[in-house]
Amino acid sequence: MVRAARAAVLAGLLGLATPAFAGSFTGLQQAARRCFESPSAALCDGLWDLSAELKQRADKSNQLRCYTALLALEANVAKVRLGAPDPARQASALEETSVYCR
């Protein structure tokens, strides 16, 4: 419940409509791009909650490739937050979520 609330708050901060975002991996990708372009704690750290919610959905619907793509995206967010971004892998992770998480 707390994660869902945090996801809704972050969606509001990012200017995303909560109902549309709740079922959309596009919102997560937009937030990830913003994090990669301008890594702020508010944007990047909030992605953990969003990703956790979407991973739960992927798990429940047995979308293992999507789940794995979300893990890769999380790894890239962690690298950005640690000051070791890898733009090629970031692009790959974003591409994988767009392919496997529909």
PDB file of N, CA and C in Angstrom:
ATOM      1  N   MET A   1       0.818  -1.186   0.000  1.00  0.00           N
ATOM      2  CA  MET A   1       0.000   0.000   0.000  1.00  0.00           C
ATOM      3  C   MET A   1       0.866   1.256   0.000  1.00  0.00           C
ATOM      4  N   VAL A   2       1.916   1.247   0.800  1.00  0.00           N
ATOM      5  CA  VAL A   2       2.792   2.416   0.882  1.00  0.00           C
ATOM      6  C   VAL A   2       3.467   2.641  -0.463  1.00  0.00           C
ATOM      7  N   ARG A   3       3.919   1.569  -1.110  1.00  0.00           N
ATOM      8  CA  ARG A   3       4.567   1.707  -2.415  1.00  0.00           C
ATOM      9  C   ARG A   3       3.614   2.276  -3.448  1.00  0.00           C
ATOM     10  N   ALA A   4       2.381   1.828  -3.443  1.00  0.00           N
ATOM     11  CA  ALA A   4       1.393   2.343  -4.388  1.00  0.00           C
ATOM     12  C   ALA A   4       1.159   3.828  -4.148  1.00  0.00           C
ATOM     13  N   ALA A   5       1.114   4.228  -2.889  1.00  0.00           N
ATOM     14  CA  ALA A   5       0.933   5.639  -2.562  1.00  0.00           C
ATOM     15  C   ALA A   5       2.126   6.459  -3.032  1.00  0.00           C
ATOM     16  N   ARG A   6       3.318   5.943  -2.806  1.00  0.00           N
ATOM     17  CA  ARG A   6       4.518   6.646  -3.266  1.00  0.00           C
ATOM     18  C   ARG A   6       4.538   6.748  -4.783  1.00  0.00           C
ATOM     19  N   ALA A   7       4.135   5.682  -5.467  1.00  0.00           N
ATOM     20  CA  ALA A   7       4.087   5.691  -6.924  1.00  0.00           C
ATOM     21  C   ALA A   7       3.117   6.753  -7.414  1.00  0.00           C
ATOM     22  N   ALA A   8       1.972   6.868  -6.753  1.00  0.00           N
ATOM     23  CA  ALA A   8       0.986   7.873  -7.132  1.00  0.00           C
ATOM     24  C   ALA A   8       1.531   9.277  -6.914  1.00  0.00           C
ATOM     25  N   VAL A   9       2.226   9.487  -5.792  1.00  0.00           N
ATOM     26  CA  VAL A   9       2.820  10.798  -5.508  1.00  0.00           C
ATOM     27  C   VAL A   9       3.870  11.141  -6.549  1.00  0.00           C
ATOM     28  N   LEU A  10       4.745  10.194  -6.868  1.00  0.00           N
ATOM     29  CA  LEU A  10       5.775  10.456  -7.869  1.00  0.00           C
ATOM     30  C   LEU A  10       5.150  10.719  -9.228  1.00  0.00           C
ATOM     31  N   ALA A  11       4.127   9.966  -9.583  1.00  0.00           N
ATOM     32  CA  ALA A  11       3.444  10.185 -10.860  1.00  0.00           C
ATOM     33  C   ALA A  11       2.891  11.599 -10.915  1.00  0.00           C
ATOM     34  N   GLY A  12       2.343  12.070  -9.811  1.00  0.00           N
ATOM     35  CA  GLY A  12       1.837  13.433  -9.756  1.00  0.00           C
ATOM     36  C   GLY A  12       2.951  14.462  -9.891  1.00  0.00           C
ATOM     37  N   LEU A  13       4.073  14.227  -9.236  1.00  0.00           N
ATOM     38  CA  LEU A  13       5.212  15.137  -9.335  1.00  0.00           C
ATOM     39  C   LEU A  13       5.754  15.206 -10.752  1.00  0.00           C
ATOM     40  N   LEU A  14       5.693  14.095 -11.460  1.00  0.00           N
ATOM     41  CA  LEU A  14       6.209  14.040 -12.826  1.00  0.00           C
ATOM     42  C   LEU A  14       5.198  14.547 -13.844  1.00  0.00           C
ATOM     43  N   GLY A  15       4.016  14.888 -13.388  1.00  0.00           N
ATOM     44  CA  GLY A  15       3.001  15.377 -14.296  1.00  0.00           C
ATOM     45  C   GLY A  15       2.298  14.269 -15.054  1.00  0.00           C
ATOM     46  N   LEU A  16       2.311  13.075 -14.514  1.00  0.00           N
ATOM     47  CA  LEU A  16       1.658  11.948 -15.166  1.00  0.00           C
ATOM     48  C   LEU A  16       0.313  11.705 -14.500  1.00  0.00           C
ATOM     49  N   ALA A  17      -0.686  11.446 -15.267  1.00  0.00           N
ATOM     50  CA  ALA A  17      -2.002  11.143 -14.708  1.00  0.00           C
ATOM     51  C   ALA A  17      -1.935   9.793 -14.017  1.00  0.00           C
ATOM     52  N   THR A  18      -2.290   9.747 -12.761  1.00  0.00           N
ATOM     53  CA  THR A  18      -2.164   8.519 -11.980  1.00  0.00           C
ATOM     54  C   THR A  18      -2.906   7.338 -12.577  1.00  0.00           C
ATOM     55  N   PRO A  19      -4.183   7.453 -12.992  1.00  0.00           N
ATOM     56  CA  PRO A  19      -4.856   6.281 -13.548  1.00  0.00           C
ATOM     57  C   PRO A  19      -4.175   5.755 -14.801  1.00  0.00           C
ATOM     58  N   ALA A  20      -3.751   6.621 -15.688  1.00  0.00           N
ATOM     59  CA  ALA A  20      -3.074   6.177 -16.903  1.00  0.00           C
ATOM     60  C   ALA A  20      -1.704   5.594 -16.569  1.00  0.00           C
ATOM     61  N   PHE A  21      -1.029   6.187 -15.624  1.00  0.00           N
ATOM     62  CA  PHE A  21       0.306   5.717 -15.261  1.00  0.00           C
ATOM     63  C   PHE A  21       0.246   4.365 -14.590  1.00  0.00           C
ATOM     64  N   ALA A  22      -0.801   4.146 -13.807  1.00  0.00           N
ATOM     65  CA  ALA A  22      -0.890   2.918 -13.024  1.00  0.00           C
ATOM     66  C   ALA A  22      -0.789   1.684 -13.897  1.00  0.00           C
ATOM     67  N   GLY A  23      -1.259   1.738 -15.123  1.00  0.00           N
ATOM     68  CA  GLY A  23      -1.206   0.572 -16.000  1.00  0.00           C
ATOM     69  C   GLY A  23      -0.183   0.713 -17.101  1.00  0.00           C
ATOM     70  N   SER A  24       0.712   1.655 -17.005  1.00  0.00           N
ATOM     71  CA  SER A  24       1.576   1.957 -18.132  1.00  0.00           C
ATOM     72  C   SER A  24       3.057   1.883 -17.785  1.00  0.00           C
ATOM     73  N   PHE A  25       3.783   1.169 -18.609  1.00  0.00           N
ATOM     74  CA  PHE A  25       5.232   1.139 -18.461  1.00  0.00           C
ATOM     75  C   PHE A  25       5.862   2.374 -19.111  1.00  0.00           C
ATOM     76  N   THR A  26       5.091   3.057 -19.924  1.00  0.00           N
ATOM     77  CA  THR A  26       5.581   4.278 -20.566  1.00  0.00           C
ATOM     78  C   THR A  26       5.938   5.325 -19.522  1.00  0.00           C
ATOM     79  N   GLY A  27       5.126   5.446 -18.492  1.00  0.00           N
ATOM     80  CA  GLY A  27       5.410   6.411 -17.425  1.00  0.00           C
ATOM     81  C   GLY A  27       6.707   6.113 -16.716  1.00  0.00           C
ATOM     82  N   LEU A  28       6.967   4.834 -16.503  1.00  0.00           N
ATOM     83  CA  LEU A  28       8.228   4.444 -15.869  1.00  0.00           C
ATOM     84  C   LEU A  28       9.404   4.795 -16.768  1.00  0.00           C
ATOM     85  N   GLN A  29       9.254   4.565 -18.057  1.00  0.00           N
ATOM     86  CA  GLN A  29      10.341   4.889 -18.982  1.00  0.00           C
ATOM     87  C   GLN A  29      10.612   6.387 -19.012  1.00  0.00           C
ATOM     88  N   GLN A  30       9.552   7.184 -19.007  1.00  0.00           N
ATOM     89  CA  GLN A  30       9.734   8.637 -18.997  1.00  0.00           C
ATOM     90  C   GLN A  30      10.469   9.073 -17.733  1.00  0.00           C
ATOM     91  N   ALA A  31      10.078   8.515 -16.612  1.00  0.00           N
ATOM     92  CA  ALA A  31      10.735   8.861 -15.355  1.00  0.00           C
ATOM     93  C   ALA A  31      12.190   8.405 -15.359  1.00  0.00           C
ATOM     94  N   ALA A  32      12.464   7.241 -15.934  1.00  0.00           N
ATOM     95  CA  ALA A  32      13.840   6.744 -16.011  1.00  0.00           C
ATOM     96  C   ALA A  32      14.686   7.656 -16.890  1.00  0.00           C
ATOM     97  N   ARG A  33      14.134   8.081 -18.002  1.00  0.00           N
ATOM     98  CA  ARG A  33      14.884   9.001 -18.873  1.00  0.00           C
ATOM     99  C   ARG A  33      15.234  10.287 -18.133  1.00  0.00           C
ATOM    100  N   ARG A  34      14.267  10.801 -17.382  1.00  0.00           N
ATOM    101  CA  ARG A  34      14.520  12.028 -16.606  1.00  0.00           C
ATOM    102  C   ARG A  34      15.609  11.789 -15.571  1.00  0.00           C
ATOM    103  N   CYS A  35      15.575  10.636 -14.941  1.00  0.00           N
ATOM    104  CA  CYS A  35      16.595  10.290 -13.948  1.00  0.00           C
ATOM    105  C   CYS A  35      17.967  10.201 -14.613  1.00  0.00           C
ATOM    106  N   PHE A  36      18.033   9.551 -15.767  1.00  0.00           N
ATOM    107  CA  PHE A  36      19.309   9.383 -16.466  1.00  0.00           C
ATOM    108  C   PHE A  36      19.857  10.712 -16.962  1.00  0.00           C
ATOM    109  N   GLU A  37      18.970  11.605 -17.404  1.00  0.00           N
ATOM    110  CA  GLU A  37      19.398  12.900 -17.934  1.00  0.00           C
ATOM    111  C   GLU A  37      19.791  13.871 -16.832  1.00  0.00           C
ATOM    112  N   SER A  38      19.076  13.841 -15.736  1.00  0.00           N
ATOM    113  CA  SER A  38      19.310  14.769 -14.637  1.00  0.00           C
ATOM    114  C   SER A  38      19.093  14.038 -13.322  1.00  0.00           C
ATOM    115  N   PRO A  39      20.101  13.279 -12.885  1.00  0.00           N
ATOM    116  CA  PRO A  39      19.913  12.413 -11.718  1.00  0.00           C
ATOM    117  C   PRO A  39      19.707  13.181 -10.414  1.00  0.00           C
ATOM    118  N   SER A  40      18.450  13.289 -10.027  1.00  0.00           N
ATOM    119  CA  SER A  40      18.146  13.886  -8.725  1.00  0.00           C
ATOM    120  C   SER A  40      17.610  12.783  -7.829  1.00  0.00           C
ATOM    121  N   ALA A  41      17.806  12.945  -6.557  1.00  0.00           N
ATOM    122  CA  ALA A  41      17.358  11.925  -5.607  1.00  0.00           C
ATOM    123  C   ALA A  41      15.853  11.706  -5.710  1.00  0.00           C
ATOM    124  N   ALA A  42      15.088  12.773  -5.861  1.00  0.00           N
ATOM    125  CA  ALA A  42      13.630  12.642  -5.915  1.00  0.00           C
ATOM    126  C   ALA A  42      13.184  11.805  -7.112  1.00  0.00           C
ATOM    127  N   LEU A  43      13.756  12.070  -8.271  1.00  0.00           N
ATOM    128  CA  LEU A  43      13.362  11.321  -9.465  1.00  0.00           C
ATOM    129  C   LEU A  43      13.889   9.893  -9.443  1.00  0.00           C
ATOM    130  N   CYS A  44      15.168   9.741  -9.170  1.00  0.00           N
ATOM    131  CA  CYS A  44      15.783   8.416  -9.247  1.00  0.00           C
ATOM    132  C   CYS A  44      15.322   7.495  -8.128  1.00  0.00           C
ATOM    133  N   ASP A  45      15.274   7.991  -6.912  1.00  0.00           N
ATOM    134  CA  ASP A  45      14.895   7.130  -5.797  1.00  0.00           C
ATOM    135  C   ASP A  45      13.427   6.711  -5.873  1.00  0.00           C
ATOM    136  N   GLY A  46      12.591   7.567  -6.419  1.00  0.00           N
ATOM    137  CA  GLY A  46      11.189   7.221  -6.569  1.00  0.00           C
ATOM    138  C   GLY A  46      10.940   6.104  -7.559  1.00  0.00           C
ATOM    139  N   LEU A  47      11.872   5.894  -8.455  1.00  0.00           N
ATOM    140  CA  LEU A  47      11.712   4.827  -9.441  1.00  0.00           C
ATOM    141  C   LEU A  47      11.694   3.445  -8.813  1.00  0.00           C
ATOM    142  N   TRP A  48      12.326   3.289  -7.661  1.00  0.00           N
ATOM    143  CA  TRP A  48      12.329   1.984  -6.993  1.00  0.00           C
ATOM    144  C   TRP A  48      10.906   1.542  -6.696  1.00  0.00           C
ATOM    145  N   ASP A  49      10.098   2.463  -6.177  1.00  0.00           N
ATOM    146  CA  ASP A  49       8.724   2.133  -5.836  1.00  0.00           C
ATOM    147  C   ASP A  49       7.899   1.835  -7.084  1.00  0.00           C
ATOM    148  N   LEU A  50       8.087   2.655  -8.112  1.00  0.00           N
ATOM    149  CA  LEU A  50       7.366   2.424  -9.356  1.00  0.00           C
ATOM    150  C   LEU A  50       7.738   1.078  -9.960  1.00  0.00           C
ATOM    151  N   SER A  51       9.006   0.800  -9.998  1.00  0.00           N
ATOM    152  CA  SER A  51       9.473  -0.458 -10.567  1.00  0.00           C
ATOM    153  C   SER A  51       8.975  -1.649  -9.758  1.00  0.00           C
ATOM    154  N   ALA A  52       8.973  -1.524  -8.451  1.00  0.00           N
ATOM    155  CA  ALA A  52       8.488  -2.622  -7.600  1.00  0.00           C
ATOM    156  C   ALA A  52       7.029  -2.937  -7.905  1.00  0.00           C
ATOM    157  N   GLU A  53       6.233  -1.908  -8.067  1.00  0.00           N
ATOM    158  CA  GLU A  53       4.818  -2.119  -8.383  1.00  0.00           C
ATOM    159  C   GLU A  53       4.659  -2.814  -9.740  1.00  0.00           C
ATOM    160  N   LEU A  54       5.419  -2.361 -10.725  1.00  0.00           N
ATOM    161  CA  LEU A  54       5.318  -2.950 -12.057  1.00  0.00           C
ATOM    162  C   LEU A  54       5.902  -4.362 -12.098  1.00  0.00           C
ATOM    163  N   LYS A  55       6.927  -4.612 -11.285  1.00  0.00           N
ATOM    164  CA  LYS A  55       7.470  -5.979 -11.215  1.00  0.00           C
ATOM    165  C   LYS A  55       6.441  -6.930 -10.614  1.00  0.00           C
ATOM    166  N   GLN A  56       5.688  -6.458  -9.642  1.00  0.00           N
ATOM    167  CA  GLN A  56       4.637  -7.298  -9.057  1.00  0.00           C
ATOM    168  C   GLN A  56       3.612  -7.677 -10.121  1.00  0.00           C
ATOM    169  N   ARG A  57       3.231  -6.705 -10.943  1.00  0.00           N
ATOM    170  CA  ARG A  57       2.278  -6.991 -12.016  1.00  0.00           C
ATOM    171  C   ARG A  57       2.865  -7.975 -13.023  1.00  0.00           C
ATOM    172  N   ALA A  58       4.115  -7.763 -13.382  1.00  0.00           N
ATOM    173  CA  ALA A  58       4.758  -8.668 -14.331  1.00  0.00           C
ATOM    174  C   ALA A  58       4.841 -10.072 -13.763  1.00  0.00           C
ATOM    175  N   ASP A  59       5.140 -10.171 -12.483  1.00  0.00           N
ATOM    176  CA  ASP A  59       5.223 -11.482 -11.833  1.00  0.00           C
ATOM    177  C   ASP A  59       3.862 -12.172 -11.814  1.00  0.00           C
ATOM    178  N   LYS A  60       2.834 -11.424 -11.449  1.00  0.00           N
ATOM    179  CA  LYS A  60       1.485 -11.993 -11.373  1.00  0.00           C
ATOM    180  C   LYS A  60       0.995 -12.475 -12.734  1.00  0.00           C
ATOM    181  N   SER A  61       1.410 -11.783 -13.797  1.00  0.00           N
ATOM    182  CA  SER A  61       0.964 -12.173 -15.139  1.00  0.00           C
ATOM    183  C   SER A  61       1.997 -13.059 -15.843  1.00  0.00           C
ATOM    184  N   ASN A  62       2.998 -13.503 -15.089  1.00  0.00           N
ATOM    185  CA  ASN A  62       4.027 -14.421 -15.593  1.00  0.00           C
ATOM    186  C   ASN A  62       4.800 -13.850 -16.796  1.00  0.00           C
ATOM    187  N   GLN A  63       5.061 -12.554 -16.770  1.00  0.00           N
ATOM    188  CA  GLN A  63       5.844 -11.891 -17.808  1.00  0.00           C
ATOM    189  C   GLN A  63       7.293 -11.787 -17.314  1.00  0.00           C
ATOM    190  N   LEU A  64       7.982 -12.905 -17.396  1.00  0.00           N
ATOM    191  CA  LEU A  64       9.327 -12.973 -16.826  1.00  0.00           C
ATOM    192  C   LEU A  64      10.334 -12.100 -17.568  1.00  0.00           C
ATOM    193  N   ARG A  65      10.197 -11.962 -18.861  1.00  0.00           N
ATOM    194  CA  ARG A  65      11.122 -11.086 -19.597  1.00  0.00           C
ATOM    195  C   ARG A  65      10.930  -9.631 -19.197  1.00  0.00           C
ATOM    196  N   CYS A  66       9.692  -9.243 -18.975  1.00  0.00           N
ATOM    197  CA  CYS A  66       9.423  -7.889 -18.508  1.00  0.00           C
ATOM    198  C   CYS A  66      10.025  -7.691 -17.122  1.00  0.00           C
ATOM    199  N   TYR A  67       9.834  -8.669 -16.251  1.00  0.00           N
ATOM    200  CA  TYR A  67      10.388  -8.599 -14.896  1.00  0.00           C
ATOM    201  C   TYR A  67      11.906  -8.416 -14.959  1.00  0.00           C
ATOM    202  N   THR A  68      12.550  -9.189 -15.816  1.00  0.00           N
ATOM    203  CA  THR A  68      14.004  -9.100 -15.960  1.00  0.00           C
ATOM    204  C   THR A  68      14.422  -7.746 -16.530  1.00  0.00           C
ATOM    205  N   ALA A  69      13.656  -7.230 -17.479  1.00  0.00           N
ATOM    206  CA  ALA A  69      13.956  -5.916 -18.050  1.00  0.00           C
ATOM    207  C   ALA A  69      13.849  -4.828 -16.983  1.00  0.00           C
ATOM    208  N   LEU A  70      12.874  -4.958 -16.095  1.00  0.00           N
ATOM    209  CA  LEU A  70      12.726  -3.990 -15.010  1.00  0.00           C
ATOM    210  C   LEU A  70      13.899  -4.069 -14.035  1.00  0.00           C
ATOM    211  N   LEU A  71      14.393  -5.278 -13.793  1.00  0.00           N
ATOM    212  CA  LEU A  71      15.584  -5.426 -12.946  1.00  0.00           C
ATOM    213  C   LEU A  71      16.789  -4.720 -13.575  1.00  0.00           C
ATOM    214  N   ALA A  72      16.927  -4.850 -14.886  1.00  0.00           N
ATOM    215  CA  ALA A  72      18.032  -4.178 -15.583  1.00  0.00           C
ATOM    216  C   ALA A  72      17.885  -2.663 -15.478  1.00  0.00           C
ATOM    217  N   LEU A  73      16.666  -2.181 -15.611  1.00  0.00           N
ATOM    218  CA  LEU A  73      16.437  -0.747 -15.474  1.00  0.00           C
ATOM    219  C   LEU A  73      16.806  -0.275 -14.068  1.00  0.00           C
ATOM    220  N   GLU A  74      16.413  -1.056 -13.057  1.00  0.00           N
ATOM    221  CA  GLU A  74      16.773  -0.715 -11.675  1.00  0.00           C
ATOM    222  C   GLU A  74      18.291  -0.684 -11.484  1.00  0.00           C
ATOM    223  N   ALA A  75      18.989  -1.633 -12.087  1.00  0.00           N
ATOM    224  CA  ALA A  75      20.449  -1.665 -11.974  1.00  0.00           C
ATOM    225  C   ALA A  75      21.059  -0.401 -12.553  1.00  0.00           C
ATOM    226  N   ASN A  76      20.507   0.075 -13.652  1.00  0.00           N
ATOM    227  CA  ASN A  76      21.026   1.297 -14.266  1.00  0.00           C
ATOM    228  C   ASN A  76      20.706   2.525 -13.441  1.00  0.00           C
ATOM    229  N   VAL A  77      19.562   2.541 -12.792  1.00  0.00           N
ATOM    230  CA  VAL A  77      19.234   3.645 -11.888  1.00  0.00           C
ATOM    231  C   VAL A  77      20.228   3.652 -10.723  1.00  0.00           C
ATOM    232  N   ALA A  78      20.542   2.469 -10.199  1.00  0.00           N
ATOM    233  CA  ALA A  78      21.511   2.378  -9.099  1.00  0.00           C
ATOM    234  C   ALA A  78      22.872   2.906  -9.537  1.00  0.00           C
ATOM    235  N   LYS A  79      23.286   2.557 -10.751  1.00  0.00           N
ATOM    236  CA  LYS A  79      24.585   3.039 -11.236  1.00  0.00           C
ATOM    237  C   LYS A  79      24.594   4.559 -11.367  1.00  0.00           C
ATOM    238  N   VAL A  80      23.487   5.128 -11.827  1.00  0.00           N
ATOM    239  CA  VAL A  80      23.396   6.586 -11.932  1.00  0.00           C
ATOM    240  C   VAL A  80      23.509   7.211 -10.551  1.00  0.00           C
ATOM    241  N   ARG A  81      22.786   6.647  -9.592  1.00  0.00           N
ATOM    242  CA  ARG A  81      22.805   7.200  -8.234  1.00  0.00           C
ATOM    243  C   ARG A  81      24.183   7.062  -7.590  1.00  0.00           C
ATOM    244  N   LEU A  82      24.947   6.049  -7.995  1.00  0.00           N
ATOM    245  CA  LEU A  82      26.297   5.862  -7.455  1.00  0.00           C
ATOM    246  C   LEU A  82      27.338   6.674  -8.213  1.00  0.00           C
ATOM    247  N   GLY A  83      26.904   7.400  -9.226  1.00  0.00           N
ATOM    248  CA  GLY A  83      27.822   8.239  -9.993  1.00  0.00           C
ATOM    249  C   GLY A  83      28.594   7.496 -11.056  1.00  0.00           C
ATOM    250  N   ALA A  84      28.081   6.351 -11.494  1.00  0.00           N
ATOM    251  CA  ALA A  84      28.759   5.566 -12.523  1.00  0.00           C
ATOM    252  C   ALA A  84      27.794   5.215 -13.656  1.00  0.00           C
ATOM    253  N   PRO A  85      27.245   6.230 -14.321  1.00  0.00           N
ATOM    254  CA  PRO A  85      26.273   5.950 -15.375  1.00  0.00           C
ATOM    255  C   PRO A  85      26.921   5.273 -16.583  1.00  0.00           C
ATOM    256  N   ASP A  86      26.144   4.489 -17.276  1.00  0.00           N
ATOM    257  CA  ASP A  86      26.575   3.804 -18.493  1.00  0.00           C
ATOM    258  C   ASP A  86      25.492   4.029 -19.543  1.00  0.00           C
ATOM    259  N   PRO A  87      25.616   5.105 -20.342  1.00  0.00           N
ATOM    260  CA  PRO A  87      24.561   5.465 -21.292  1.00  0.00           C
ATOM    261  C   PRO A  87      24.156   4.345 -22.248  1.00  0.00           C
ATOM    262  N   ALA A  88      25.090   3.527 -22.692  1.00  0.00           N
ATOM    263  CA  ALA A  88      24.744   2.437 -23.608  1.00  0.00           C
ATOM    264  C   ALA A  88      23.829   1.416 -22.925  1.00  0.00           C
ATOM    265  N   ARG A  89      24.146   1.078 -21.696  1.00  0.00           N
ATOM    266  CA  ARG A  89      23.303   0.124 -20.965  1.00  0.00           C
ATOM    267  C   ARG A  89      21.974   0.737 -20.561  1.00  0.00           C
ATOM    268  N   GLN A  90      21.976   2.024 -20.280  1.00  0.00           N
ATOM    269  CA  GLN A  90      20.717   2.709 -19.975  1.00  0.00           C
ATOM    270  C   GLN A  90      19.773   2.621 -21.167  1.00  0.00           C
ATOM    271  N   ALA A  91      20.304   2.907 -22.349  1.00  0.00           N
ATOM    272  CA  ALA A  91      19.495   2.838 -23.569  1.00  0.00           C
ATOM    273  C   ALA A  91      18.990   1.421 -23.803  1.00  0.00           C
ATOM    274  N   SER A  92      19.845   0.446 -23.561  1.00  0.00           N
ATOM    275  CA  SER A  92      19.455  -0.955 -23.732  1.00  0.00           C
ATOM    276  C   SER A  92      18.342  -1.338 -22.760  1.00  0.00           C
ATOM    277  N   ALA A  93      18.460  -0.919 -21.515  1.00  0.00           N
ATOM    278  CA  ALA A  93      17.448  -1.238 -20.512  1.00  0.00           C
ATOM    279  C   ALA A  93      16.106  -0.593 -20.870  1.00  0.00           C
ATOM    280  N   LEU A  94      16.148   0.640 -21.343  1.00  0.00           N
ATOM    281  CA  LEU A  94      14.914   1.306 -21.758  1.00  0.00           C
ATOM    282  C   LEU A  94      14.283   0.587 -22.947  1.00  0.00           C
ATOM    283  N   GLU A  95      15.103   0.171 -23.896  1.00  0.00           N
ATOM    284  CA  GLU A  95      14.613  -0.551 -25.063  1.00  0.00           C
ATOM    285  C   GLU A  95      13.975  -1.877 -24.648  1.00  0.00           C
ATOM    286  N   GLU A  96      14.604  -2.587 -23.739  1.00  0.00           N
ATOM    287  CA  GLU A  96      14.067  -3.871 -23.289  1.00  0.00           C
ATOM    288  C   GLU A  96      12.708  -3.698 -22.608  1.00  0.00           C
ATOM    289  N   THR A  97      12.559  -2.663 -21.795  1.00  0.00           N
ATOM    290  CA  THR A  97      11.260  -2.467 -21.160  1.00  0.00           C
ATOM    291  C   THR A  97      10.195  -2.141 -22.194  1.00  0.00           C
ATOM    292  N   SER A  98      10.559  -1.410 -23.244  1.00  0.00           N
ATOM    293  CA  SER A  98       9.551  -1.085 -24.271  1.00  0.00           C
ATOM    294  C   SER A  98       9.178  -2.321 -25.084  1.00  0.00           C
ATOM    295  N   VAL A  99      10.100  -3.251 -25.235  1.00  0.00           N
ATOM    296  CA  VAL A  99       9.823  -4.473 -26.001  1.00  0.00           C
ATOM    297  C   VAL A  99       9.055  -5.496 -25.168  1.00  0.00           C
ATOM    298  N   TYR A 100       9.497  -5.728 -23.944  1.00  0.00           N
ATOM    299  CA  TYR A 100       8.951  -6.825 -23.133  1.00  0.00           C
ATOM    300  C   TYR A 100       7.829  -6.421 -22.174  1.00  0.00           C
ATOM    301  N   CYS A 101       7.672  -5.128 -21.901  1.00  0.00           N
ATOM    302  CA  CYS A 101       6.667  -4.683 -20.936  1.00  0.00           C
ATOM    303  C   CYS A 101       5.576  -3.885 -21.641  1.00  0.00           C
ATOM    304  N   ARG A 102       4.610  -4.588 -22.157  1.00  0.00           N
ATOM    305  CA  ARG A 102       3.502  -3.912 -22.859  1.00  0.00           C
ATOM    306  C   ARG A 102       2.211  -4.124 -22.157  1.00  0.00           C
TER     307      ARG A 102
END
